[in-house]
Structures are given as C-alpha cells and as structure tokens.
Amino acid sequence: MSSLPRLSATTLADLSRTGLPPAVSPPADLNRASAPGIVHLGIGAFHRAHQAVFTERAAAAAGDDRWGIHGVTQRSATVRDQLRPQDGLYGVLELSDAGTSLDLIGSIRDVLFPAEETARVLDTIAAPTTHIVSLTVTEKGYRRAPQGGPDFADKALARDLEVLAREIDGGSDVDREAPSRSAIGLLLRALTHRWQSGGEPLTVLVCDNLMDNGPQVESLAHAILDASPATGASALLDWIRASVTFPATMVDRIVPKTTDDHRRAAEALLGATDAGLVVAEPFSQWVIQDRFAGPRPSWETVGAQLTRNVSPYEHTKLRVLNGTHSFLAYAGALRGHALIADAVADPELHAMARAMIDEDAIPSLGAIDEIDLAAYRESVLERFANAAIGHTTVQIAMDGSQKLPIRFLGIARDRLAAGAVPHATSRAVAAWMLYVHATTSGQLDVAGAPVALDDPLASRLADAAAGSIDGLADRLVTRSGIFPTALAEDDRFLGAVRTAVREIASWTAEPAAVGRGSA
C-alpha cells in the first residue's frame, strides 16, 4: 500500500505550494460549490477521459462556473468511492511513444450511486440549474432488443418501467426511493420528475457508439412511453417532444483499462495516490449536433466540433475506426495477441484491417466532403499502433453482440445493396464467430490466461456456437438473433462468411486454441 497522501483538494493545495512538475497540469480554478449544470449517467473511464475533460477546459476558458458535473455510476459504487474522498479530483494519464503527462481534472462535483441514491439523482436532474443529461452507458446499457426497440423482456428494464408508470401518475415517496436498475429506466424516471417539477427544457446528450445515437435513444424513449399503461404517459411524451432535445454526437478517444503500472507512473509524477486515475491516448475528438434545448458549455472553444449534421463523422468513425478495432480485437485474440498494438503490427492482420477499410468500409460511406478518408484511415492505423496505451484485445472484444450490427453488419448490407460481396467484412464477422466459439468452449488463451466470453447474450451465443467449426457460420447467423433476415437469407453474404470462417480457422491445426503471435 502506498505511503503517499491521497489526491484531494487539500492534498493538491499542499502539492501546489511546493510546485507541480512540468508534466502535471493542475485543474481549472473554478467554484466547485456551484450547482452542477450537467448530470452524466455512466461515469466510467471514458467519460472522465473525454467529455469531462472538454467540459473542464471549456468552463475554464469562459470562466463559467455553471458546468460542473454530477456523475451517476450505474452498476456499482466503485467510482463514487474513488472520487468522493478526492473531492471529485482525478488525473488523466496521457500515454504515447513520445512520453507521459498527467492532466488533473476537477469538473466532477460528486458521484451518485442509484442503488442507494436514486431520489437524489432524480432531484438533481429535475433541478432548473441542470441543463444537460449526458450518457455513456455502452451499447447494451439501453436495453434494446437485438433488432432494435425496447427489450421489454429485460428484467431490469421491466422493474424500472413498473415504477415509472406509477411515478407518471403521481407515485409516492416509496417510489422515489426505489432504486433504478437500468440507465434508460433511470433517464425516463428523471424526465418524469423534471416534467412534474416545472418542465424546464433539457438536453439529453447521448455519447455512446450507436449510429444516430441521440435520435435512436429519443425513439426508444418514445416507444417505451407509447407502451406505458400510465394514464399520464401521453402528456409526458408531449412535453418531451416539445422541451427535450436529443442531439447526435460522435466521440473518439482510446481509453484503455487503468493498470497498477499506470497508477505507479501517475504517483511518480504527482507525488500522491489517485484512486480515480484514467488513461488515454493524446488524440481526442467530439462532434456534436447543434440541437440544444437550453444553455451549454462553449465546448467548441476547446476543440469540439458543433455541426448541423453529425452523420458523416459518425458513420466514418463507427465503420472505419470502431469496425477495424473490433476486427483486430477478435482476430488478434485468436492469434494470441494481448494488445491491439500487437495485432496491428501483425503483417497479416494489418493487411486484413486495411482491406476491410479500403474494400468495404470506405466504399460503404459514399462521398463525404467533410473528411479526408485516406488520411483518416492512416491516422486510425497509427493510433492503434500506439503500444504505450496498452489497449487489450480482450477489452475491445467484449459485448460483440451489441457492436456487431453497428460495426460490421451495416457495412455488409450496404455493400451487398451496391452489388458487391463484402469479403473483407465477412472475415471480421468470421473472426467474431471463431472468437465466440473459442471462448464459449474454453479453448482460448491469450498471454497465458484463459478468456471467457463477456457478452450480454453469452448464453444464447454459447448454445448457437456449440459444436464443430463446420456449420458454425450457419448456426450463429440463424440462431444468435443478431443478424437481420435480409442478411441471414442472402446467399452471397452467408457464402462469404462460411469461406472466411474456414480461412481464419486454417491459421492453426486447432483453430479454436490459437496461440500464435506476440503476447
């Protein structure tokens, strides 16, 4: 256990008196007692390394104290317990082959845990000083059915919607205290309380990797309320349509898991321990549709791009960057590569990744005037090669059932519609299938450690993948519930995926137990 003091406002003041080292940037000097203007659902590492950084810098540039953030941690109290004793302060350790630096961030005012503090979350979002609710809850956090729309069979969502229906029609103090179990359920309950508390306009800013993310979540909220048995649901929905906006966004920064080595490096720079430390690459991008219901931070003054149309940036990032990232994760893990940097350094995988971008991803985008696609491709592959950030293949490979439709299947659909067979993207689909087969059969080992499938549909995928490699493509296409009917019944696509499964399985004599490549 470290003998260094823990980061906090007091500790930082002590360190600042003796002078912070050049590689450490202090947080902005703002009034941290001011009411938060933003509530963020899903305050994991990505938000703390991305939107919270933009918000800190924008508030400092404008001298605007309104934009503190109350974070909401959904699954456990861990982040709350990390940041509350530190007065919300934490560091972002930027890693590159050129060196290491530490930015201290102070935009987080507090962190709330709904299992114990749902009423406080609802009150904070209902407050007129709150203007934005933002979200990074991952694709699976929206509790959508595989083909879109609310997954009413999801037990956590169903429990939240029972409480929601009562709250819409008046509810009780007992309902206010009932913990929310899903992010979308918590959001709708919070919108209900804001509506009932005066109905001040609000912006819901979705920052997850969903195509057309804000409007998708808007449609999801509408569908849930349309199905609600509450007598006041239609009035609530009318208010949401009139007073709540859901801008689309595109977010981009590589944020690997924080390790003990990262913590030691930060301690050496700062001279204090930081339980909330996050790690990131130097690159950061945020494109936001300029569709706000009320005030917002001046994010554009610190590098964010405000635009009327996010779609070109969003499609490019999801298909070129996220799609290639996922392919390298599945194929890299199958070849025994522990890091994405190892996978992209593998000449065979590098060639396949480039082919996926050039032959399928970029052609599926059509003409995009706003972006130099060739330059973007090179920047993506260069960023993946940054070994300093230590981004693991297994980390990127999680939740494949939620990512596959967005990152691979849309490309395949569009290429087929254009009369082209998406061979390169079919290899990515095949790599995912073999990864599912290997992890669910207990045959995948990466860097000396067994790997299990981390996916909300793990049980269903395990059942579909069980058996030999022969027929794997057909079983997963027809039984996973992920593939739309038009793709599942397209002989060109299915034939290309079958061929790709055989190709990737031929990498070793025992394809599901691949250990080739660097670790």
Protein backbone atom coordinates (compact mmCIF):
# COMPACT_ATOMS: atom_id res chain seq x y z
CA MET A 1 0.00 0.00 0.00
CA SER A 2 1.37 3.42 -0.95
CA SER A 3 2.57 5.76 1.80
CA LEU A 4 1.81 8.79 -0.39
CA PRO A 5 -1.16 11.02 0.50
CA ARG A 6 -4.38 10.53 -1.45
CA LEU A 7 -5.34 13.14 -4.03
CA SER A 8 -7.90 15.67 -2.71
CA ALA A 9 -8.39 19.41 -2.68
CA THR A 10 -6.25 19.67 0.46
CA THR A 11 -3.50 17.44 -0.89
CA LEU A 12 -3.45 19.33 -4.18
CA ALA A 13 -3.11 22.67 -2.34
CA ASP A 14 -0.15 21.26 -0.42
CA LEU A 15 1.49 19.95 -3.58
CA SER A 16 0.88 23.21 -5.44
CA ARG A 17 2.68 25.22 -2.76
CA THR A 18 5.87 23.33 -3.50
CA GLY A 19 5.20 23.37 -7.24
CA LEU A 20 3.77 20.70 -9.53
CA PRO A 21 6.21 19.14 -12.00
CA PRO A 22 6.05 20.32 -15.65
CA ALA A 23 4.41 17.07 -16.78
CA VAL A 24 1.43 17.66 -14.43
CA SER A 25 -1.32 20.15 -15.37
CA PRO A 26 -3.47 21.43 -12.46
CA PRO A 27 -7.29 21.51 -12.65
CA ALA A 28 -9.07 24.70 -13.62
CA ASP A 29 -9.60 27.19 -10.81
CA LEU A 30 -13.42 27.24 -10.71
CA ASN A 31 -16.06 27.42 -7.99
CA ARG A 32 -16.63 23.77 -7.16
CA ALA A 33 -19.52 24.54 -4.82
CA SER A 34 -21.73 25.74 -7.66
CA ALA A 35 -24.80 23.69 -8.66
CA PRO A 36 -24.00 21.22 -11.43
CA GLY A 37 -25.22 22.11 -14.89
CA ILE A 38 -24.68 18.57 -16.17
CA VAL A 39 -25.68 15.15 -14.85
CA HIS A 40 -23.84 12.29 -16.51
CA LEU A 41 -25.16 8.72 -16.48
CA GLY A 42 -22.41 6.11 -16.75
CA ILE A 43 -19.40 7.85 -15.25
CA GLY A 44 -16.80 5.31 -16.28
CA ALA A 45 -13.28 5.84 -17.55
CA PHE A 46 -14.34 7.03 -21.00
CA HIS A 47 -16.43 9.95 -19.78
CA ARG A 48 -13.73 11.02 -17.34
CA ALA A 49 -11.13 10.96 -20.13
CA HIS A 50 -13.32 12.64 -22.74
CA GLN A 51 -16.45 14.75 -22.08
CA ALA A 52 -15.37 15.73 -18.55
CA VAL A 53 -12.05 16.98 -19.96
CA PHE A 54 -13.74 19.05 -22.68
CA THR A 55 -16.14 20.45 -20.06
CA GLU A 56 -13.34 21.40 -17.66
CA ARG A 57 -11.41 23.18 -20.38
CA ALA A 58 -14.46 24.96 -21.83
CA ALA A 59 -15.60 26.20 -18.39
CA ALA A 60 -12.09 27.43 -17.63
CA ALA A 61 -11.77 29.23 -20.97
CA ALA A 62 -15.07 31.05 -20.38
CA GLY A 63 -14.71 31.47 -16.62
CA ASP A 64 -18.14 29.84 -16.37
CA ASP A 65 -18.85 28.02 -13.09
CA ARG A 66 -22.19 26.54 -14.19
CA TRP A 67 -20.81 23.43 -15.83
CA GLY A 68 -19.83 21.15 -13.01
CA ILE A 69 -20.86 17.51 -13.45
CA HIS A 70 -22.72 15.18 -11.11
CA GLY A 71 -21.79 11.70 -12.26
CA VAL A 72 -24.05 8.68 -11.84
CA THR A 73 -22.40 5.27 -11.61
CA GLN A 74 -24.82 2.58 -12.68
CA ARG A 75 -23.51 -0.87 -11.80
CA SER A 76 -21.55 -0.37 -8.58
CA ALA A 77 -20.46 2.29 -6.11
CA THR A 78 -16.81 1.96 -7.14
CA VAL A 79 -16.39 5.30 -8.92
CA ARG A 80 -18.29 7.11 -6.17
CA ASP A 81 -15.98 5.59 -3.57
CA GLN A 82 -12.96 6.51 -5.69
CA LEU A 83 -13.87 10.15 -6.27
CA ARG A 84 -15.83 11.39 -3.24
CA PRO A 85 -12.83 11.19 -0.88
CA GLN A 86 -10.84 13.04 -3.56
CA ASP A 87 -13.34 15.93 -3.85
CA GLY A 88 -14.05 14.75 -7.40
CA LEU A 89 -10.44 15.30 -8.48
CA TYR A 90 -8.65 12.72 -10.64
CA GLY A 91 -5.94 12.52 -13.26
CA VAL A 92 -5.90 11.62 -16.95
CA LEU A 93 -2.59 9.95 -17.75
CA GLU A 94 -1.81 10.57 -21.42
CA LEU A 95 0.45 7.94 -22.94
CA SER A 96 2.27 7.94 -26.24
CA ASP A 97 5.56 6.75 -27.62
CA ALA A 98 6.78 10.36 -27.17
CA GLY A 99 6.21 10.42 -23.39
CA THR A 100 3.77 10.65 -20.49
CA SER A 101 1.85 13.55 -18.96
CA LEU A 102 -0.84 13.92 -16.29
CA ASP A 103 -3.82 16.29 -16.52
CA LEU A 104 -5.72 16.83 -13.28
CA ILE A 105 -9.45 17.30 -13.84
CA GLY A 106 -11.92 18.96 -11.45
CA SER A 107 -15.17 19.12 -13.42
CA ILE A 108 -16.76 16.28 -11.39
CA ARG A 109 -18.56 17.73 -8.37
CA ASP A 110 -19.96 14.48 -6.98
CA VAL A 111 -20.78 10.90 -7.94
CA LEU A 112 -24.11 9.27 -7.09
CA PHE A 113 -24.98 5.56 -6.95
CA PRO A 114 -28.66 4.88 -7.86
CA ALA A 115 -28.89 1.68 -5.83
CA GLU A 116 -28.58 3.90 -2.75
CA GLU A 117 -29.26 7.43 -4.03
CA THR A 118 -31.93 7.27 -6.75
CA ALA A 119 -34.02 10.02 -5.17
CA ARG A 120 -31.04 12.37 -5.17
CA VAL A 121 -30.37 11.59 -8.83
CA LEU A 122 -34.00 12.38 -9.69
CA ASP A 123 -33.91 15.63 -7.71
CA THR A 124 -30.64 16.74 -9.33
CA ILE A 125 -31.94 16.15 -12.86
CA ALA A 126 -35.23 17.88 -12.00
CA ALA A 127 -33.40 20.97 -10.70
CA PRO A 128 -33.71 24.03 -13.01
CA THR A 129 -29.93 24.57 -12.74
CA THR A 130 -29.38 21.28 -14.60
CA HIS A 131 -29.44 21.84 -18.35
CA ILE A 132 -27.87 18.68 -19.77
CA VAL A 133 -28.09 14.95 -19.03
CA SER A 134 -25.34 13.11 -20.87
CA LEU A 135 -24.81 9.35 -21.16
CA THR A 136 -22.03 6.84 -21.76
CA VAL A 137 -23.64 3.55 -20.73
CA THR A 138 -22.32 1.40 -23.66
CA GLU A 139 -24.49 -0.09 -26.37
CA LYS A 140 -26.00 -2.68 -24.04
CA GLY A 141 -26.99 -0.07 -21.46
CA TYR A 142 -30.05 1.00 -23.45
CA ARG A 143 -31.73 -2.40 -23.05
CA ARG A 144 -32.66 -2.71 -26.70
CA ALA A 145 -33.91 -5.86 -28.38
CA PRO A 146 -31.47 -7.36 -30.94
CA GLN A 147 -33.39 -5.86 -33.86
CA GLY A 148 -33.97 -2.50 -32.15
CA GLY A 149 -36.70 -1.11 -29.93
CA PRO A 150 -37.03 -1.62 -26.17
CA ASP A 151 -36.34 -5.07 -24.78
CA PHE A 152 -39.42 -5.34 -22.60
CA ALA A 153 -38.31 -8.85 -21.61
CA ASP A 154 -35.24 -7.40 -19.88
CA LYS A 155 -35.90 -7.85 -16.15
CA ALA A 156 -34.07 -4.70 -15.01
CA LEU A 157 -35.90 -2.53 -17.53
CA ALA A 158 -39.25 -4.15 -16.72
CA ARG A 159 -38.84 -3.40 -12.99
CA ASP A 160 -37.93 0.22 -13.74
CA LEU A 161 -40.92 0.64 -16.03
CA GLU A 162 -43.30 -0.61 -13.34
CA VAL A 163 -42.05 2.15 -11.04
CA LEU A 164 -42.09 4.65 -13.92
CA ALA A 165 -45.77 4.00 -14.64
CA ARG A 166 -46.68 4.74 -11.02
CA GLU A 167 -44.50 7.86 -10.92
CA ILE A 168 -46.04 9.27 -14.10
CA ASP A 169 -49.43 9.14 -12.39
CA GLY A 170 -48.27 10.67 -9.12
CA GLY A 171 -46.28 7.92 -7.47
CA SER A 172 -45.31 8.01 -3.80
CA ASP A 173 -42.31 8.67 -1.60
CA VAL A 174 -41.66 4.94 -1.70
CA ASP A 175 -41.41 5.06 -5.50
CA ARG A 176 -38.94 7.97 -5.35
CA GLU A 177 -36.63 5.89 -3.21
CA ALA A 178 -36.92 2.78 -5.40
CA PRO A 179 -33.51 2.13 -6.97
CA SER A 180 -33.26 2.23 -10.75
CA ARG A 181 -31.65 -0.79 -12.36
CA SER A 182 -31.27 0.41 -15.96
CA ALA A 183 -29.91 3.63 -17.43
CA ILE A 184 -32.85 4.15 -19.80
CA GLY A 185 -35.29 3.50 -16.96
CA LEU A 186 -33.49 5.98 -14.73
CA LEU A 187 -33.46 8.57 -17.53
CA LEU A 188 -37.22 8.26 -18.09
CA ARG A 189 -37.94 8.45 -14.38
CA ALA A 190 -35.77 11.59 -14.18
CA LEU A 191 -37.58 13.16 -17.14
CA THR A 192 -40.86 12.42 -15.37
CA HIS A 193 -39.71 14.25 -12.24
CA ARG A 194 -38.48 17.22 -14.27
CA TRP A 195 -41.82 17.38 -16.07
CA GLN A 196 -43.65 17.29 -12.75
CA SER A 197 -41.32 19.90 -11.20
CA GLY A 198 -41.96 22.66 -13.70
CA GLY A 199 -40.87 21.21 -17.02
CA GLU A 200 -37.77 23.29 -17.72
CA PRO A 201 -36.24 22.37 -21.12
CA LEU A 202 -33.46 19.78 -21.07
CA THR A 203 -30.87 18.36 -23.46
CA VAL A 204 -30.17 14.61 -23.40
CA LEU A 205 -26.70 14.17 -24.88
CA VAL A 206 -26.01 10.54 -25.83
CA CYS A 207 -22.29 9.83 -26.27
CA ASP A 208 -22.30 6.08 -26.95
CA ASN A 209 -21.27 4.30 -30.13
CA LEU A 210 -24.75 3.96 -31.60
CA MET A 211 -25.48 5.04 -35.14
CA ASP A 212 -27.53 8.26 -34.97
CA ASN A 213 -27.29 7.87 -31.20
CA GLY A 214 -29.36 10.77 -29.87
CA PRO A 215 -32.35 10.25 -32.16
CA GLN A 216 -32.16 6.48 -31.53
CA VAL A 217 -32.49 6.99 -27.77
CA GLU A 218 -35.22 9.56 -28.38
CA SER A 219 -37.16 6.95 -30.38
CA LEU A 220 -36.52 4.38 -27.66
CA ALA A 221 -37.94 6.71 -25.01
CA HIS A 222 -40.98 7.43 -27.17
CA ALA A 223 -41.60 3.70 -27.75
CA ILE A 224 -41.42 2.96 -24.03
CA LEU A 225 -43.88 5.72 -23.17
CA ASP A 226 -46.19 4.72 -26.02
CA ALA A 227 -46.40 1.27 -24.41
CA SER A 228 -46.76 2.54 -20.83
CA PRO A 229 -50.06 1.79 -19.05
CA ALA A 230 -49.79 5.10 -17.13
CA THR A 231 -52.69 7.46 -17.85
CA GLY A 232 -50.32 10.43 -17.96
CA ALA A 233 -47.80 8.87 -20.34
CA SER A 234 -49.12 10.73 -23.39
CA ALA A 235 -48.86 14.10 -21.61
CA LEU A 236 -45.29 13.31 -20.54
CA LEU A 237 -44.46 12.33 -24.10
CA ASP A 238 -45.92 15.60 -25.40
CA TRP A 239 -43.65 17.53 -23.01
CA ILE A 240 -40.60 15.53 -24.09
CA ARG A 241 -41.33 16.24 -27.75
CA ALA A 242 -41.72 19.95 -27.03
CA SER A 243 -39.00 20.56 -24.42
CA VAL A 244 -36.31 17.84 -24.58
CA THR A 245 -33.77 17.50 -27.37
CA PHE A 246 -31.56 14.50 -28.16
CA PRO A 247 -28.62 15.72 -30.28
CA ALA A 248 -26.50 13.18 -32.13
CA THR A 249 -22.82 13.03 -31.20
CA MET A 250 -19.62 11.30 -32.23
CA VAL A 251 -16.96 10.68 -29.59
CA ASP A 252 -13.46 9.36 -30.14
CA ARG A 253 -10.62 8.69 -27.76
CA ILE A 254 -8.87 5.43 -26.92
CA VAL A 255 -9.19 4.83 -23.17
CA PRO A 256 -7.61 1.56 -22.02
CA LYS A 257 -8.10 -0.06 -18.66
CA THR A 258 -6.07 1.53 -15.86
CA THR A 259 -3.40 -0.83 -14.51
CA ASP A 260 -1.15 -0.83 -11.45
CA ASP A 261 1.73 0.24 -13.69
CA HIS A 262 -0.30 3.27 -14.77
CA ARG A 263 -1.04 4.14 -11.14
CA ARG A 264 2.65 3.90 -10.22
CA ALA A 265 3.56 6.15 -13.15
CA ALA A 266 0.98 8.75 -12.05
CA GLU A 267 2.16 8.58 -8.45
CA ALA A 268 5.74 9.19 -9.56
CA LEU A 269 4.64 12.31 -11.45
CA LEU A 270 2.20 13.71 -8.87
CA GLY A 271 3.52 12.61 -5.50
CA ALA A 272 0.06 11.40 -4.43
CA THR A 273 -2.17 8.38 -4.99
CA ASP A 274 -5.18 8.68 -7.27
CA ALA A 275 -7.91 6.05 -6.95
CA GLY A 276 -9.82 7.62 -9.86
CA LEU A 277 -6.98 7.70 -12.39
CA VAL A 278 -7.86 7.07 -16.04
CA VAL A 279 -5.57 6.54 -19.02
CA ALA A 280 -5.88 7.84 -22.58
CA GLU A 281 -4.10 8.47 -25.83
CA PRO A 282 -3.33 12.12 -26.73
CA PHE A 283 -5.96 12.18 -29.53
CA SER A 284 -9.49 13.29 -28.67
CA GLN A 285 -12.44 14.23 -30.90
CA TRP A 286 -16.02 15.25 -30.18
CA VAL A 287 -18.56 16.14 -32.88
CA ILE A 288 -21.93 17.39 -31.60
CA GLN A 289 -25.15 18.21 -33.39
CA ASP A 290 -26.02 21.80 -32.51
CA ARG A 291 -29.52 20.99 -31.23
CA PHE A 292 -29.70 22.07 -27.60
CA ALA A 293 -32.82 22.84 -25.58
CA GLY A 294 -31.04 25.39 -23.40
CA PRO A 295 -27.59 26.61 -22.30
CA ARG A 296 -24.47 24.54 -22.88
CA PRO A 297 -20.72 24.85 -22.28
CA SER A 298 -18.73 26.52 -25.05
CA TRP A 299 -17.15 23.19 -26.00
CA GLU A 300 -16.28 24.44 -29.50
CA THR A 301 -13.73 26.85 -27.99
CA VAL A 302 -11.61 23.90 -26.82
CA GLY A 303 -11.75 21.71 -29.91
CA ALA A 304 -15.22 20.15 -30.12
CA GLN A 305 -16.96 20.44 -33.46
CA LEU A 306 -20.53 21.78 -33.45
CA THR A 307 -22.40 20.93 -36.64
CA ARG A 308 -25.89 20.56 -38.03
CA ASN A 309 -25.11 17.05 -39.33
CA VAL A 310 -23.05 14.56 -37.32
CA SER A 311 -23.83 11.65 -39.62
CA PRO A 312 -20.73 11.78 -41.88
CA TYR A 313 -18.38 11.83 -38.89
CA GLU A 314 -20.37 9.21 -37.02
CA HIS A 315 -20.59 6.74 -39.90
CA THR A 316 -16.89 7.17 -40.68
CA LYS A 317 -15.81 6.58 -37.10
CA LEU A 318 -18.12 3.63 -36.47
CA ARG A 319 -17.21 1.84 -39.68
CA VAL A 320 -13.55 2.75 -40.18
CA LEU A 321 -12.28 3.08 -36.60
CA ASN A 322 -14.68 1.03 -34.45
CA GLY A 323 -15.17 -1.70 -37.04
CA THR A 324 -11.45 -2.14 -37.59
CA HIS A 325 -10.84 -2.01 -33.84
CA SER A 326 -13.28 -4.86 -33.28
CA PHE A 327 -11.80 -6.93 -36.12
CA LEU A 328 -8.29 -6.54 -34.68
CA ALA A 329 -9.63 -7.50 -31.24
CA TYR A 330 -11.24 -10.77 -32.37
CA ALA A 331 -8.60 -11.79 -34.88
CA GLY A 332 -5.78 -10.59 -32.64
CA ALA A 333 -7.02 -12.57 -29.64
CA LEU A 334 -7.40 -15.69 -31.82
CA ARG A 335 -3.73 -15.30 -32.80
CA GLY A 336 -2.68 -14.88 -29.17
CA HIS A 337 -2.05 -11.14 -29.29
CA ALA A 338 -2.68 -9.46 -25.95
CA LEU A 339 -2.63 -5.89 -27.25
CA ILE A 340 -4.30 -4.11 -30.14
CA ALA A 341 -0.85 -2.70 -30.95
CA ASP A 342 0.45 -6.27 -31.30
CA ALA A 343 -2.44 -7.16 -33.58
CA VAL A 344 -1.97 -4.20 -35.93
CA ALA A 345 1.77 -4.92 -36.04
CA ASP A 346 1.00 -8.45 -37.31
CA PRO A 347 1.52 -8.10 -41.10
CA GLU A 348 -1.30 -10.50 -41.96
CA LEU A 349 -3.83 -8.79 -39.69
CA HIS A 350 -2.64 -5.34 -40.74
CA ALA A 351 -3.31 -6.25 -44.36
CA MET A 352 -6.77 -7.60 -43.49
CA ALA A 353 -7.60 -4.47 -41.49
CA ARG A 354 -6.54 -2.22 -44.35
CA ALA A 355 -8.57 -4.32 -46.80
CA MET A 356 -11.64 -4.02 -44.59
CA ILE A 357 -11.29 -0.23 -44.62
CA ASP A 358 -10.43 0.16 -48.32
CA GLU A 359 -12.65 -2.51 -49.86
CA ASP A 360 -15.75 -2.27 -47.68
CA ALA A 361 -15.86 0.47 -45.01
CA ILE A 362 -14.90 3.49 -47.13
CA PRO A 363 -16.94 2.41 -50.19
CA SER A 364 -19.97 1.91 -47.94
CA LEU A 365 -19.78 5.55 -46.83
CA GLY A 366 -20.22 7.14 -50.24
CA ALA A 367 -18.88 10.62 -50.93
CA ILE A 368 -18.07 12.61 -47.76
CA ASP A 369 -16.81 16.12 -48.37
CA GLU A 370 -16.09 16.87 -44.70
CA ILE A 371 -13.44 14.16 -44.18
CA ASP A 372 -10.24 13.11 -45.98
CA LEU A 373 -10.93 9.38 -45.76
CA ALA A 374 -7.46 8.23 -46.82
CA ALA A 375 -5.84 10.44 -44.17
CA TYR A 376 -8.39 9.25 -41.60
CA ARG A 377 -7.55 5.60 -42.39
CA GLU A 378 -3.84 6.25 -41.82
CA SER A 379 -4.48 8.10 -38.54
CA VAL A 380 -6.61 5.20 -37.28
CA LEU A 381 -3.96 2.57 -38.00
CA GLU A 382 -1.28 4.82 -36.49
CA ARG A 383 -3.30 5.31 -33.31
CA PHE A 384 -3.87 1.56 -32.98
CA ALA A 385 -0.09 1.06 -33.18
CA ASN A 386 0.50 3.20 -30.05
CA ALA A 387 1.83 0.47 -27.76
CA ALA A 388 2.16 2.86 -24.82
CA ILE A 389 -1.58 2.83 -24.07
CA GLY A 390 -1.71 -0.97 -23.68
CA HIS A 391 -5.23 -1.41 -25.12
CA THR A 392 -6.03 -5.13 -24.87
CA THR A 393 -7.76 -7.23 -27.49
CA VAL A 394 -9.98 -8.87 -24.88
CA GLN A 395 -11.21 -5.49 -23.61
CA ILE A 396 -12.28 -4.40 -27.10
CA ALA A 397 -13.80 -7.83 -27.82
CA MET A 398 -16.45 -7.58 -25.10
CA ASP A 399 -20.16 -7.09 -25.90
CA GLY A 400 -19.79 -8.23 -29.51
CA SER A 401 -23.50 -8.96 -29.92
CA GLN A 402 -24.23 -5.27 -29.32
CA LYS A 403 -21.42 -3.99 -31.55
CA LEU A 404 -21.69 -6.37 -34.50
CA PRO A 405 -24.84 -4.83 -36.06
CA ILE A 406 -23.35 -1.34 -35.86
CA ARG A 407 -19.74 -2.04 -36.80
CA PHE A 408 -19.95 -4.90 -39.34
CA LEU A 409 -23.47 -5.70 -40.50
CA GLY A 410 -24.35 -2.22 -41.74
CA ILE A 411 -21.26 -2.27 -43.95
CA ALA A 412 -22.17 -5.72 -45.29
CA ARG A 413 -25.74 -4.65 -46.01
CA ASP A 414 -24.67 -1.52 -47.90
CA ARG A 415 -22.03 -3.32 -49.96
CA LEU A 416 -24.49 -6.03 -50.93
CA ALA A 417 -27.02 -3.38 -51.93
CA ALA A 418 -24.34 -1.88 -54.18
CA GLY A 419 -23.81 -5.26 -55.85
CA ALA A 420 -20.50 -6.05 -54.13
CA VAL A 421 -19.76 -9.05 -51.93
CA PRO A 422 -18.17 -7.79 -48.66
CA HIS A 423 -15.37 -10.36 -48.41
CA ALA A 424 -13.19 -8.26 -46.07
CA THR A 425 -16.05 -7.55 -43.67
CA SER A 426 -17.09 -11.20 -43.82
CA ARG A 427 -13.62 -12.01 -42.42
CA ALA A 428 -14.37 -9.69 -39.49
CA VAL A 429 -17.71 -11.44 -38.90
CA ALA A 430 -15.95 -14.81 -39.12
CA ALA A 431 -13.31 -13.68 -36.61
CA TRP A 432 -16.09 -12.79 -34.17
CA MET A 433 -17.73 -16.20 -34.73
CA LEU A 434 -14.50 -18.07 -34.05
CA TYR A 435 -13.86 -15.89 -31.00
CA VAL A 436 -17.32 -16.81 -29.67
CA HIS A 437 -16.66 -20.49 -30.40
CA ALA A 438 -13.24 -20.43 -28.74
CA THR A 439 -14.30 -18.53 -25.63
CA THR A 440 -17.53 -20.43 -25.00
CA SER A 441 -15.78 -23.79 -25.41
CA GLY A 442 -12.98 -22.79 -23.03
CA GLN A 443 -10.29 -23.12 -25.69
CA LEU A 444 -8.94 -19.56 -25.97
CA ASP A 445 -5.83 -18.49 -24.13
CA VAL A 446 -4.27 -15.03 -24.52
CA ALA A 447 -0.96 -14.15 -22.87
CA GLY A 448 -1.18 -17.21 -20.64
CA ALA A 449 -4.69 -16.52 -19.36
CA PRO A 450 -7.94 -18.27 -20.34
CA VAL A 451 -10.55 -15.97 -21.89
CA ALA A 452 -14.30 -16.29 -21.36
CA LEU A 453 -16.95 -14.62 -23.49
CA ASP A 454 -18.03 -11.26 -22.00
CA ASP A 455 -21.34 -10.52 -23.69
CA PRO A 456 -24.93 -9.88 -22.54
CA LEU A 457 -26.06 -12.68 -24.89
CA ALA A 458 -23.30 -15.09 -23.81
CA SER A 459 -25.65 -17.97 -23.00
CA ARG A 460 -27.53 -17.75 -26.31
CA LEU A 461 -24.28 -17.42 -28.27
CA ALA A 462 -22.75 -20.39 -26.47
CA ASP A 463 -25.73 -22.56 -27.43
CA ALA A 464 -25.53 -21.43 -31.06
CA ALA A 465 -21.76 -21.86 -31.29
CA ALA A 466 -21.64 -25.30 -29.65
CA GLY A 467 -20.37 -27.98 -31.99
CA SER A 468 -17.77 -28.18 -34.70
CA ILE A 469 -16.37 -25.35 -36.80
CA ASP A 470 -18.25 -26.84 -39.76
CA GLY A 471 -21.65 -25.20 -39.71
CA LEU A 472 -20.57 -22.50 -37.22
CA ALA A 473 -21.45 -19.67 -39.61
CA ASP A 474 -24.93 -21.05 -40.29
CA ARG A 475 -25.66 -21.69 -36.61
CA LEU A 476 -24.69 -18.20 -35.46
CA VAL A 477 -26.36 -16.41 -38.37
CA THR A 478 -29.68 -18.20 -37.84
CA ARG A 479 -29.75 -18.71 -34.08
CA SER A 480 -27.99 -15.75 -32.46
CA GLY A 481 -30.82 -13.27 -33.07
CA ILE A 482 -28.26 -10.68 -34.20
CA PHE A 483 -28.40 -10.95 -37.98
CA PRO A 484 -31.30 -9.27 -39.80
CA THR A 485 -33.34 -11.53 -42.04
CA ALA A 486 -32.15 -9.84 -45.23
CA LEU A 487 -28.53 -10.73 -44.42
CA ALA A 488 -29.27 -14.16 -42.98
CA GLU A 489 -31.05 -15.12 -46.20
CA ASP A 490 -28.52 -13.58 -48.60
CA ASP A 491 -26.51 -16.43 -50.13
CA ARG A 492 -23.72 -14.06 -51.14
CA PHE A 493 -23.16 -12.94 -47.57
CA LEU A 494 -23.56 -16.36 -45.99
CA GLY A 495 -21.23 -17.91 -48.55
CA ALA A 496 -18.58 -15.25 -47.91
CA VAL A 497 -18.81 -15.77 -44.14
CA ARG A 498 -18.55 -19.57 -44.48
CA THR A 499 -15.42 -19.16 -46.62
CA ALA A 500 -13.94 -16.65 -44.15
CA VAL A 501 -14.54 -19.00 -41.20
CA ARG A 502 -12.60 -21.72 -42.99
CA GLU A 503 -9.84 -19.25 -43.90
CA ILE A 504 -9.36 -17.95 -40.36
CA ALA A 505 -9.76 -21.41 -38.83
CA SER A 506 -6.88 -22.61 -41.04
CA TRP A 507 -4.41 -20.40 -39.16
CA THR A 508 -3.67 -23.42 -36.95
CA ALA A 509 -4.48 -27.09 -36.90
CA GLU A 510 -6.65 -26.46 -33.82
CA PRO A 511 -8.32 -23.17 -34.77
CA ALA A 512 -10.13 -22.51 -31.53
CA ALA A 513 -6.96 -22.77 -29.44
CA VAL A 514 -4.79 -20.36 -31.38
CA GLY A 515 -1.72 -19.13 -29.54
CA ARG A 516 0.28 -17.74 -32.42
CA GLY A 517 1.70 -14.23 -32.39
CA SER A 518 3.07 -11.92 -29.72
CA ALA A 519 1.62 -11.76 -26.24
